[in-house]
N, C-alpha and C. Protein backbone atom coordinates (compact mmCIF):
# COMPACT_ATOMS: atom_id res chain seq x y z
N MET A 1 6.52 21.73 -18.79
CA MET A 1 6.41 20.48 -18.08
C MET A 1 5.13 19.76 -18.54
N PRO A 2 5.25 18.51 -19.00
CA PRO A 2 4.07 17.80 -19.48
C PRO A 2 3.15 17.39 -18.32
N LEU A 3 1.88 17.34 -18.63
CA LEU A 3 0.91 16.89 -17.63
C LEU A 3 0.91 15.37 -17.58
N CYS A 4 0.57 14.82 -16.43
CA CYS A 4 0.42 13.38 -16.31
C CYS A 4 -0.94 13.08 -15.66
N TYR A 5 -1.35 11.84 -15.77
CA TYR A 5 -2.66 11.40 -15.28
C TYR A 5 -2.84 11.78 -13.81
N LYS A 6 -3.95 12.43 -13.52
CA LYS A 6 -4.33 12.90 -12.18
C LYS A 6 -3.30 13.83 -11.56
N ASP A 7 -2.35 14.29 -12.37
CA ASP A 7 -1.33 15.24 -11.93
C ASP A 7 -0.62 14.76 -10.67
N GLN A 8 -0.29 13.46 -10.63
CA GLN A 8 0.42 12.90 -9.48
C GLN A 8 1.27 11.72 -9.90
N THR A 9 2.15 11.33 -9.01
CA THR A 9 2.99 10.16 -9.24
C THR A 9 2.44 9.01 -8.40
N PHE A 10 2.20 7.88 -9.05
CA PHE A 10 1.68 6.69 -8.37
C PHE A 10 2.85 5.82 -7.94
N CYS A 11 2.63 5.03 -6.90
CA CYS A 11 3.67 4.15 -6.38
C CYS A 11 3.66 2.82 -7.13
N GLU A 12 4.83 2.40 -7.58
CA GLU A 12 4.92 1.14 -8.30
C GLU A 12 5.29 -0.04 -7.40
N ALA A 13 5.47 0.21 -6.11
CA ALA A 13 5.81 -0.87 -5.17
C ALA A 13 4.62 -1.81 -5.00
N LYS A 14 4.93 -3.08 -4.78
CA LYS A 14 3.87 -4.05 -4.49
C LYS A 14 3.52 -3.88 -3.02
N CYS A 15 2.40 -3.19 -2.77
CA CYS A 15 1.99 -2.83 -1.41
C CYS A 15 0.55 -3.28 -1.17
N SER A 16 0.29 -3.76 0.02
CA SER A 16 -1.07 -4.23 0.33
C SER A 16 -1.97 -3.12 0.84
N LYS A 17 -1.47 -1.89 0.99
CA LYS A 17 -2.29 -0.75 1.42
C LYS A 17 -3.01 -0.16 0.21
N THR A 18 -4.07 -0.81 -0.22
CA THR A 18 -4.76 -0.40 -1.44
C THR A 18 -5.56 0.88 -1.29
N ARG A 19 -5.78 1.35 -0.08
CA ARG A 19 -6.53 2.60 0.12
C ARG A 19 -5.65 3.84 -0.03
N CYS A 20 -4.38 3.66 -0.26
CA CYS A 20 -3.45 4.77 -0.45
C CYS A 20 -3.77 5.46 -1.78
N LEU A 21 -3.74 6.77 -1.79
CA LEU A 21 -4.05 7.51 -3.02
C LEU A 21 -3.01 7.28 -4.11
N ARG A 22 -1.81 6.87 -3.75
CA ARG A 22 -0.76 6.62 -4.73
C ARG A 22 -0.76 5.18 -5.24
N HIS A 23 -1.60 4.31 -4.69
CA HIS A 23 -1.59 2.88 -5.05
C HIS A 23 -1.92 2.70 -6.54
N GLN A 24 -1.30 1.72 -7.15
CA GLN A 24 -1.50 1.43 -8.56
C GLN A 24 -2.96 1.14 -8.92
N SER A 25 -3.72 0.67 -7.97
CA SER A 25 -5.12 0.34 -8.25
C SER A 25 -5.94 1.59 -8.59
N ASN A 26 -5.39 2.77 -8.29
CA ASN A 26 -6.08 4.02 -8.61
C ASN A 26 -5.79 4.50 -10.03
N ILE A 27 -5.02 3.75 -10.77
CA ILE A 27 -4.70 4.13 -12.15
C ILE A 27 -5.76 3.54 -13.08
N ASN A 28 -6.39 4.40 -13.84
CA ASN A 28 -7.32 3.95 -14.87
C ASN A 28 -6.62 4.21 -16.20
N GLN A 29 -5.91 3.18 -16.68
CA GLN A 29 -5.09 3.35 -17.88
C GLN A 29 -5.92 3.73 -19.09
N ALA A 30 -7.13 3.18 -19.20
CA ALA A 30 -7.99 3.53 -20.33
C ALA A 30 -8.34 5.02 -20.32
N GLN A 31 -8.63 5.54 -19.14
CA GLN A 31 -8.95 6.97 -19.02
C GLN A 31 -7.73 7.82 -19.35
N ALA A 32 -6.56 7.42 -18.86
CA ALA A 32 -5.33 8.15 -19.14
C ALA A 32 -5.06 8.16 -20.65
N ASP A 33 -5.25 7.01 -21.29
CA ASP A 33 -5.05 6.93 -22.74
C ASP A 33 -6.03 7.81 -23.49
N LEU A 34 -7.29 7.79 -23.05
CA LEU A 34 -8.32 8.60 -23.69
C LEU A 34 -7.99 10.08 -23.61
N LEU A 35 -7.42 10.49 -22.49
CA LEU A 35 -7.05 11.89 -22.29
C LEU A 35 -5.69 12.22 -22.89
N GLY A 36 -4.99 11.20 -23.35
CA GLY A 36 -3.67 11.41 -23.94
C GLY A 36 -2.61 11.77 -22.91
N LEU A 37 -2.77 11.26 -21.69
CA LEU A 37 -1.85 11.57 -20.61
C LEU A 37 -1.04 10.34 -20.21
N GLY A 38 0.22 10.56 -19.91
CA GLY A 38 1.05 9.49 -19.39
C GLY A 38 0.80 9.29 -17.91
N VAL A 39 1.22 8.15 -17.41
CA VAL A 39 1.09 7.84 -15.98
C VAL A 39 2.48 7.85 -15.36
N ALA A 40 2.67 8.70 -14.37
CA ALA A 40 3.96 8.79 -13.68
C ALA A 40 3.97 7.81 -12.52
N THR A 41 5.05 7.00 -12.42
CA THR A 41 5.20 6.06 -11.32
C THR A 41 6.60 6.15 -10.74
N ALA A 42 6.70 5.81 -9.47
CA ALA A 42 7.98 5.73 -8.77
C ALA A 42 7.79 4.77 -7.60
N ASN A 43 8.89 4.25 -7.10
CA ASN A 43 8.83 3.33 -5.96
C ASN A 43 9.02 4.13 -4.67
N PHE A 44 7.94 4.29 -3.92
CA PHE A 44 7.97 5.05 -2.66
C PHE A 44 8.16 4.15 -1.44
N SER A 45 8.30 2.85 -1.63
CA SER A 45 8.31 1.91 -0.51
C SER A 45 9.40 2.19 0.52
N LYS A 46 10.55 2.66 0.09
CA LYS A 46 11.66 2.88 1.02
C LYS A 46 11.37 3.98 2.03
N ASP A 47 10.68 5.03 1.61
CA ASP A 47 10.43 6.18 2.48
C ASP A 47 9.00 6.28 3.00
N CYS A 48 8.14 5.37 2.60
CA CYS A 48 6.73 5.46 2.98
C CYS A 48 6.47 4.76 4.31
N PRO A 49 5.97 5.50 5.31
CA PRO A 49 5.69 4.87 6.60
C PRO A 49 4.48 3.93 6.56
N GLU A 50 3.67 4.04 5.51
CA GLU A 50 2.47 3.21 5.38
C GLU A 50 2.71 1.94 4.55
N TYR A 51 3.91 1.76 4.01
CA TYR A 51 4.20 0.64 3.12
C TYR A 51 4.06 -0.70 3.84
N VAL A 52 3.26 -1.59 3.25
CA VAL A 52 3.07 -2.94 3.76
C VAL A 52 3.28 -3.89 2.58
N PRO A 53 4.39 -4.62 2.55
CA PRO A 53 4.65 -5.49 1.40
C PRO A 53 3.57 -6.55 1.23
N VAL A 54 3.32 -6.88 0.00
CA VAL A 54 2.36 -7.93 -0.32
C VAL A 54 3.03 -9.27 -0.01
N VAL A 55 2.35 -10.12 0.72
CA VAL A 55 2.86 -11.45 1.03
C VAL A 55 2.37 -12.39 -0.06
N PRO A 56 3.30 -13.02 -0.78
CA PRO A 56 2.88 -13.92 -1.85
C PRO A 56 2.12 -15.13 -1.31
N THR A 57 1.17 -15.60 -2.08
CA THR A 57 0.49 -16.83 -1.71
C THR A 57 1.39 -18.00 -2.07
N GLU A 58 1.07 -19.16 -1.58
CA GLU A 58 1.96 -20.29 -1.82
C GLU A 58 1.98 -20.73 -3.28
N SER A 59 1.04 -20.24 -4.10
CA SER A 59 1.04 -20.63 -5.51
C SER A 59 1.75 -19.60 -6.40
N GLU A 60 2.15 -18.44 -5.84
CA GLU A 60 2.85 -17.44 -6.63
C GLU A 60 4.33 -17.76 -6.71
N PRO A 61 4.98 -17.43 -7.82
CA PRO A 61 6.41 -17.70 -7.94
C PRO A 61 7.21 -16.95 -6.87
N MET A 62 8.16 -17.64 -6.28
CA MET A 62 8.99 -17.04 -5.25
C MET A 62 10.09 -16.19 -5.86
N PHE A 63 10.59 -16.60 -6.99
CA PHE A 63 11.68 -15.90 -7.64
C PHE A 63 11.17 -15.23 -8.90
N ALA A 64 11.85 -14.18 -9.32
CA ALA A 64 11.44 -13.46 -10.53
C ALA A 64 11.41 -14.39 -11.73
N SER A 65 12.27 -15.38 -11.73
CA SER A 65 12.31 -16.32 -12.85
C SER A 65 11.08 -17.23 -12.85
N GLY A 66 10.37 -17.29 -11.71
CA GLY A 66 9.18 -18.13 -11.61
C GLY A 66 9.50 -19.61 -11.54
N ARG A 67 10.74 -19.95 -11.20
CA ARG A 67 11.10 -21.36 -11.23
C ARG A 67 10.67 -22.14 -10.00
N MET A 68 10.24 -21.46 -8.95
CA MET A 68 9.82 -22.16 -7.74
C MET A 68 8.78 -21.33 -7.00
N THR A 69 7.76 -21.98 -6.48
CA THR A 69 6.76 -21.29 -5.66
C THR A 69 7.13 -21.46 -4.19
N TYR A 70 6.50 -20.69 -3.33
CA TYR A 70 6.74 -20.82 -1.90
C TYR A 70 6.38 -22.22 -1.42
N LYS A 71 5.28 -22.75 -1.92
CA LYS A 71 4.87 -24.09 -1.51
C LYS A 71 5.94 -25.11 -1.89
N GLU A 72 6.48 -25.01 -3.11
CA GLU A 72 7.52 -25.94 -3.52
C GLU A 72 8.76 -25.80 -2.64
N MET A 73 9.11 -24.57 -2.28
CA MET A 73 10.27 -24.35 -1.43
C MET A 73 10.06 -25.00 -0.05
N PHE A 74 8.89 -24.79 0.55
CA PHE A 74 8.63 -25.36 1.86
C PHE A 74 8.56 -26.89 1.80
N ASP A 75 8.00 -27.41 0.71
CA ASP A 75 7.98 -28.88 0.54
C ASP A 75 9.40 -29.45 0.49
N GLU A 76 10.29 -28.74 -0.25
CA GLU A 76 11.69 -29.18 -0.31
C GLU A 76 12.35 -29.13 1.06
N LEU A 77 12.08 -28.06 1.80
CA LEU A 77 12.67 -27.93 3.15
C LEU A 77 12.19 -29.06 4.06
N GLU A 78 10.91 -29.39 3.98
CA GLU A 78 10.38 -30.48 4.81
C GLU A 78 11.02 -31.83 4.45
N ARG A 79 11.30 -32.02 3.17
CA ARG A 79 11.91 -33.26 2.71
C ARG A 79 13.42 -33.24 2.91
N GLY A 80 13.99 -32.09 3.29
CA GLY A 80 15.43 -31.97 3.48
C GLY A 80 16.21 -31.91 2.18
N GLU A 81 15.58 -31.39 1.13
CA GLU A 81 16.23 -31.34 -0.18
C GLU A 81 16.94 -30.03 -0.46
N SER A 82 16.93 -29.08 0.44
CA SER A 82 17.53 -27.78 0.13
C SER A 82 19.02 -27.76 0.33
C-alpha cells in the first residue's frame, strides 16, 4: 500500500470549518511533492456532522459555468427578468 501525505485522506468538499484536520487548507502541496508523496482526497460532506458549506459571495459565480453571479441573479429577480 503506497504512503500518502500525512498518512490521511483530506476532504475535498467546500467547507467553511477550516479548523478541521481533514480540511484542504492543511495540505502543503510543496511539502508533499518534496517528499514524493501523493495527497489522498475524498468528499466527506455527506457523512460529516461538522460540515458547513461555504456560502458564495455575491461576486462568485453561481453556476459551474460561471455565467452568472449571485448578485446578477438577485438583480434579475428584482427587475422581474427571471
